[in-house]
Amino acid sequence: MHLLGVGAISKLRPLMYLVRSGYLTEYPVISYDSSSHTSCFDYGLLKINGGCDTLGKTRTARGVAHFKNVYQLFEPVLKKYLTVDEFLAGIYCGPSKQTENTLDIEMTPEPTWPFSAIREKAVTNPNKKAGIIGLLSKTLHIYFMITNFCQNVDKLFREKDTDIEGEDATPMLQLKRIRDDKDIEQWIEEHSGKGKAVPSARIASTEELGSTLERLFEE
């Protein structure tokens, strides 16, 4: 079974609970993919909690903290070629000016950092090794995002089940108790749908889709 466009822990959570319950044991392999993990860097975005959260296309304290984490993951290799400050300068295409007006350091937008700008800066960088790292910065960021994602998936699999014993378990946790089609149908009826505990835009069945198309053609 392959799931298209699922790159968020929140979207994988119900699937993993159903795997743990034994309901999906008929599928020997379950896979998924998501383009947002690989493309969000181009737009100054970060994949967080099921959506793309903006880091801004300019230098901000939050963005700097994030890219320091990227550097730290690959530090055993990167430190041979450039410092963390040089890495950040490559990401943001130049040094920053700082004004400490608030607890959150404001960075002047000088200049912006779409990947096209990073690539141009990397090619002209007199430090050729740092320039190569600049060209690889998108790849490094993707690997960081995948590493972080896989670690969170692993945490879900290692969750303890002691919190689903009682009747007061949340609807999402109750998925761990699903054993057969009757259970899942009852769960959907009680908890999933518009205005319910677990919102869902359910995909129409083949029969429903056929009826909809017939009606549209008739109109």
Protein backbone atom coordinates (compact mmCIF):
# COMPACT_ATOMS: atom_id res chain seq x y z
CA MET A 1 0.00 0.00 0.00
CA HIS A 2 1.43 3.37 -1.04
CA LEU A 3 0.20 6.71 0.31
CA LEU A 4 0.67 9.74 -1.92
CA GLY A 5 1.62 13.12 -0.51
CA VAL A 6 1.94 12.06 3.12
CA GLY A 7 4.98 13.64 4.71
CA ALA A 8 3.59 14.69 8.07
CA ILE A 9 3.67 12.82 11.37
CA SER A 10 0.07 13.85 12.05
CA LYS A 11 -1.04 12.13 8.83
CA LEU A 12 0.99 8.99 9.49
CA ARG A 13 -0.12 8.66 13.12
CA PRO A 14 -3.47 6.92 12.40
CA LEU A 15 -1.79 4.60 9.92
CA MET A 16 0.87 3.56 12.42
CA TYR A 17 -1.74 2.97 15.12
CA LEU A 18 -3.67 0.69 12.76
CA VAL A 19 -0.46 -1.19 11.96
CA ARG A 20 0.23 -1.64 15.67
CA SER A 21 -3.33 -2.83 16.29
CA GLY A 22 -2.92 -5.62 13.75
CA TYR A 23 -5.65 -4.29 11.45
CA LEU A 24 -3.31 -3.70 8.50
CA THR A 25 -1.26 -6.89 8.73
CA GLU A 26 -2.39 -7.96 5.24
CA TYR A 27 -0.02 -5.34 3.78
CA PRO A 28 3.59 -6.60 3.94
CA VAL A 29 4.91 -3.19 2.86
CA ILE A 30 3.42 0.27 3.45
CA SER A 31 5.15 3.23 1.83
CA TYR A 32 4.56 6.95 1.47
CA ASP A 33 6.04 9.99 -0.22
CA SER A 34 5.92 13.75 0.00
CA SER A 35 7.44 16.42 -2.23
CA SER A 36 7.22 19.14 0.42
CA HIS A 37 10.28 17.79 2.25
CA THR A 38 12.37 18.19 -0.87
CA SER A 39 10.91 21.43 -2.22
CA CYS A 40 10.21 23.60 0.84
CA PHE A 41 13.83 24.77 1.05
CA ASP A 42 13.42 26.59 -2.26
CA TYR A 43 10.75 28.82 -0.77
CA GLY A 44 12.11 29.54 2.69
CA LEU A 45 9.76 27.04 4.30
CA LEU A 46 10.16 24.34 6.91
CA LYS A 47 8.02 21.20 7.14
CA ILE A 48 6.49 21.26 10.63
CA ASN A 49 3.42 19.57 12.15
CA GLY A 50 1.78 18.59 8.90
CA GLY A 51 2.25 21.88 7.10
CA CYS A 52 4.93 24.11 5.63
CA ASP A 53 5.82 26.76 8.18
CA THR A 54 7.69 29.84 6.99
CA LEU A 55 11.22 30.49 8.15
CA GLY A 56 11.18 33.58 6.00
CA LYS A 57 13.30 34.16 2.94
CA THR A 58 15.41 36.55 4.99
CA ARG A 59 17.71 36.04 7.95
CA THR A 60 15.79 35.61 11.21
CA ALA A 61 16.77 34.29 14.63
CA ARG A 62 14.53 31.28 14.14
CA GLY A 63 15.98 30.49 10.74
CA VAL A 64 19.54 30.81 12.01
CA ALA A 65 18.77 28.39 14.86
CA HIS A 66 17.33 25.89 12.37
CA PHE A 67 20.30 25.99 10.01
CA LYS A 68 22.69 25.69 12.92
CA ASN A 69 20.97 22.37 13.64
CA VAL A 70 21.51 21.36 10.01
CA TYR A 71 25.21 22.21 10.34
CA GLN A 72 25.44 20.30 13.62
CA LEU A 73 24.08 17.10 12.01
CA PHE A 74 26.85 17.17 9.40
CA GLU A 75 29.49 18.89 11.55
CA PRO A 76 32.02 15.99 11.44
CA VAL A 77 32.36 16.65 7.69
CA LEU A 78 31.45 20.34 7.35
CA LYS A 79 33.92 21.60 9.95
CA LYS A 80 36.76 20.46 7.71
CA TYR A 81 35.72 23.00 5.10
CA LEU A 82 33.93 25.90 6.78
CA THR A 83 32.71 27.21 10.12
CA VAL A 84 29.07 27.42 11.11
CA ASP A 85 29.15 31.19 10.50
CA GLU A 86 30.51 30.62 6.99
CA PHE A 87 27.80 28.03 6.44
CA LEU A 88 25.12 30.52 7.50
CA ALA A 89 26.68 33.22 5.32
CA GLY A 90 26.34 30.84 2.38
CA ILE A 91 22.71 30.10 3.18
CA TYR A 92 21.80 33.77 3.58
CA CYS A 93 24.18 34.96 0.84
CA GLY A 94 26.18 37.26 3.07
CA PRO A 95 26.77 38.48 6.63
CA SER A 96 23.97 39.95 8.70
CA LYS A 97 23.38 43.09 10.71
CA GLN A 98 21.80 42.55 14.10
CA THR A 99 19.66 44.79 16.26
CA GLU A 100 18.67 43.52 19.68
CA ASN A 101 15.39 45.40 20.09
CA THR A 102 13.63 42.43 21.68
CA LEU A 103 14.52 39.09 23.17
CA ASP A 104 14.23 37.70 19.64
CA ILE A 105 17.14 39.13 17.65
CA GLU A 106 15.90 40.84 14.53
CA MET A 107 18.06 40.29 11.47
CA THR A 108 18.00 42.82 8.66
CA PRO A 109 16.88 41.23 5.40
CA GLU A 110 20.22 41.49 3.64
CA PRO A 111 19.75 39.81 1.22
CA THR A 112 17.10 37.16 0.51
CA TRP A 113 17.91 33.47 0.20
CA PRO A 114 15.96 31.52 -2.42
CA PHE A 115 18.09 28.62 -3.58
CA SER A 116 18.72 30.33 -6.92
CA ALA A 117 20.51 33.12 -5.04
CA ILE A 118 22.49 30.62 -2.97
CA ARG A 119 23.57 28.83 -6.13
CA GLU A 120 24.77 32.08 -7.73
CA LYS A 121 26.62 33.07 -4.57
CA ALA A 122 28.22 29.63 -4.29
CA VAL A 123 29.57 29.72 -7.83
CA THR A 124 31.26 33.10 -7.26
CA ASN A 125 32.51 32.31 -3.74
CA PRO A 126 36.32 32.74 -3.62
CA ASN A 127 36.39 29.97 -1.02
CA LYS A 128 35.80 27.13 -3.46
CA LYS A 129 35.23 24.52 -0.77
CA ALA A 130 32.67 26.74 0.95
CA GLY A 131 31.09 27.36 -2.44
CA ILE A 132 30.67 23.63 -2.99
CA ILE A 133 28.97 23.34 0.41
CA GLY A 134 26.67 26.17 -0.67
CA LEU A 135 25.70 24.20 -3.76
CA LEU A 136 25.05 21.19 -1.53
CA SER A 137 23.08 23.17 1.07
CA LYS A 138 19.68 22.12 -0.30
CA THR A 139 20.71 18.45 -0.25
CA LEU A 140 22.02 18.78 3.31
CA HIS A 141 18.75 20.40 4.36
CA ILE A 142 16.69 17.60 2.79
CA TYR A 143 18.74 14.96 4.62
CA PHE A 144 18.26 16.87 7.87
CA MET A 145 14.48 16.99 7.34
CA ILE A 146 14.34 13.27 6.54
CA THR A 147 16.46 12.42 9.59
CA ASN A 148 14.22 14.49 11.85
CA PHE A 149 11.08 12.96 10.31
CA CYS A 150 12.30 9.37 10.72
CA GLN A 151 13.25 10.01 14.34
CA ASN A 152 9.71 11.21 15.06
CA VAL A 153 8.20 8.22 13.26
CA ASP A 154 10.33 5.96 15.44
CA LYS A 155 9.06 7.75 18.57
CA LEU A 156 5.47 6.97 17.55
CA PHE A 157 6.25 3.28 17.20
CA ARG A 158 7.84 3.27 20.65
CA GLU A 159 4.90 4.93 22.42
CA LYS A 160 3.55 2.99 25.37
CA ASP A 161 -0.01 1.66 25.17
CA THR A 162 -0.91 2.23 28.82
CA ASP A 163 -2.88 5.33 27.89
CA ILE A 164 -5.48 3.47 25.79
CA GLU A 165 -6.82 0.99 28.32
CA GLY A 166 -9.73 3.05 29.60
CA GLU A 167 -12.88 4.22 27.85
CA ASP A 168 -11.66 7.81 28.08
CA ALA A 169 -8.86 7.28 25.53
CA THR A 170 -8.88 9.91 22.79
CA PRO A 171 -10.39 8.89 19.45
CA MET A 172 -6.94 8.82 17.84
CA LEU A 173 -5.54 6.52 20.51
CA GLN A 174 -8.56 4.26 20.17
CA LEU A 175 -7.28 3.32 16.71
CA LYS A 176 -4.81 1.07 18.52
CA ARG A 177 -7.77 -1.10 19.54
CA ILE A 178 -9.12 -1.62 16.01
CA ARG A 179 -9.12 -5.31 15.05
CA ASP A 180 -11.50 -5.72 12.10
CA ASP A 181 -13.70 -3.91 9.56
CA LYS A 182 -16.58 -3.70 12.01
CA ASP A 183 -14.36 -1.88 14.51
CA ILE A 184 -13.09 0.64 11.97
CA GLU A 185 -16.58 1.32 10.58
CA GLN A 186 -17.86 2.00 14.08
CA TRP A 187 -14.88 4.24 14.83
CA ILE A 188 -15.44 6.26 11.63
CA GLU A 189 -19.13 6.63 12.44
CA GLU A 190 -18.45 7.87 15.96
CA HIS A 191 -15.34 9.98 15.58
CA SER A 192 -14.39 10.91 12.02
CA GLY A 193 -16.00 13.44 9.73
CA LYS A 194 -17.09 17.05 9.57
CA GLY A 195 -17.55 18.54 13.02
CA LYS A 196 -16.30 15.41 14.80
CA ALA A 197 -13.28 14.77 17.00
CA VAL A 198 -11.13 13.69 14.04
CA PRO A 199 -11.88 15.97 11.04
CA SER A 200 -11.69 14.18 7.72
CA ALA A 201 -12.20 14.97 4.06
CA ARG A 202 -13.00 11.40 3.14
CA ILE A 203 -12.11 10.28 -0.38
CA ALA A 204 -15.18 9.18 -2.30
CA SER A 205 -15.57 5.53 -3.25
CA THR A 206 -15.53 4.40 -6.88
CA GLU A 207 -19.30 4.02 -6.80
CA GLU A 208 -19.83 7.50 -5.37
CA LEU A 209 -17.43 9.03 -7.86
CA GLY A 210 -19.26 7.33 -10.72
CA SER A 211 -22.60 8.67 -9.54
CA THR A 212 -21.18 12.17 -9.22
CA LEU A 213 -19.77 12.11 -12.75
CA GLU A 214 -23.07 10.84 -14.17
CA ARG A 215 -24.95 13.66 -12.47
CA LEU A 216 -22.48 16.25 -13.79
CA PHE A 217 -22.83 14.98 -17.34
CA GLU A 218 -26.62 15.05 -17.04
CA GLU A 219 -26.49 18.67 -15.90
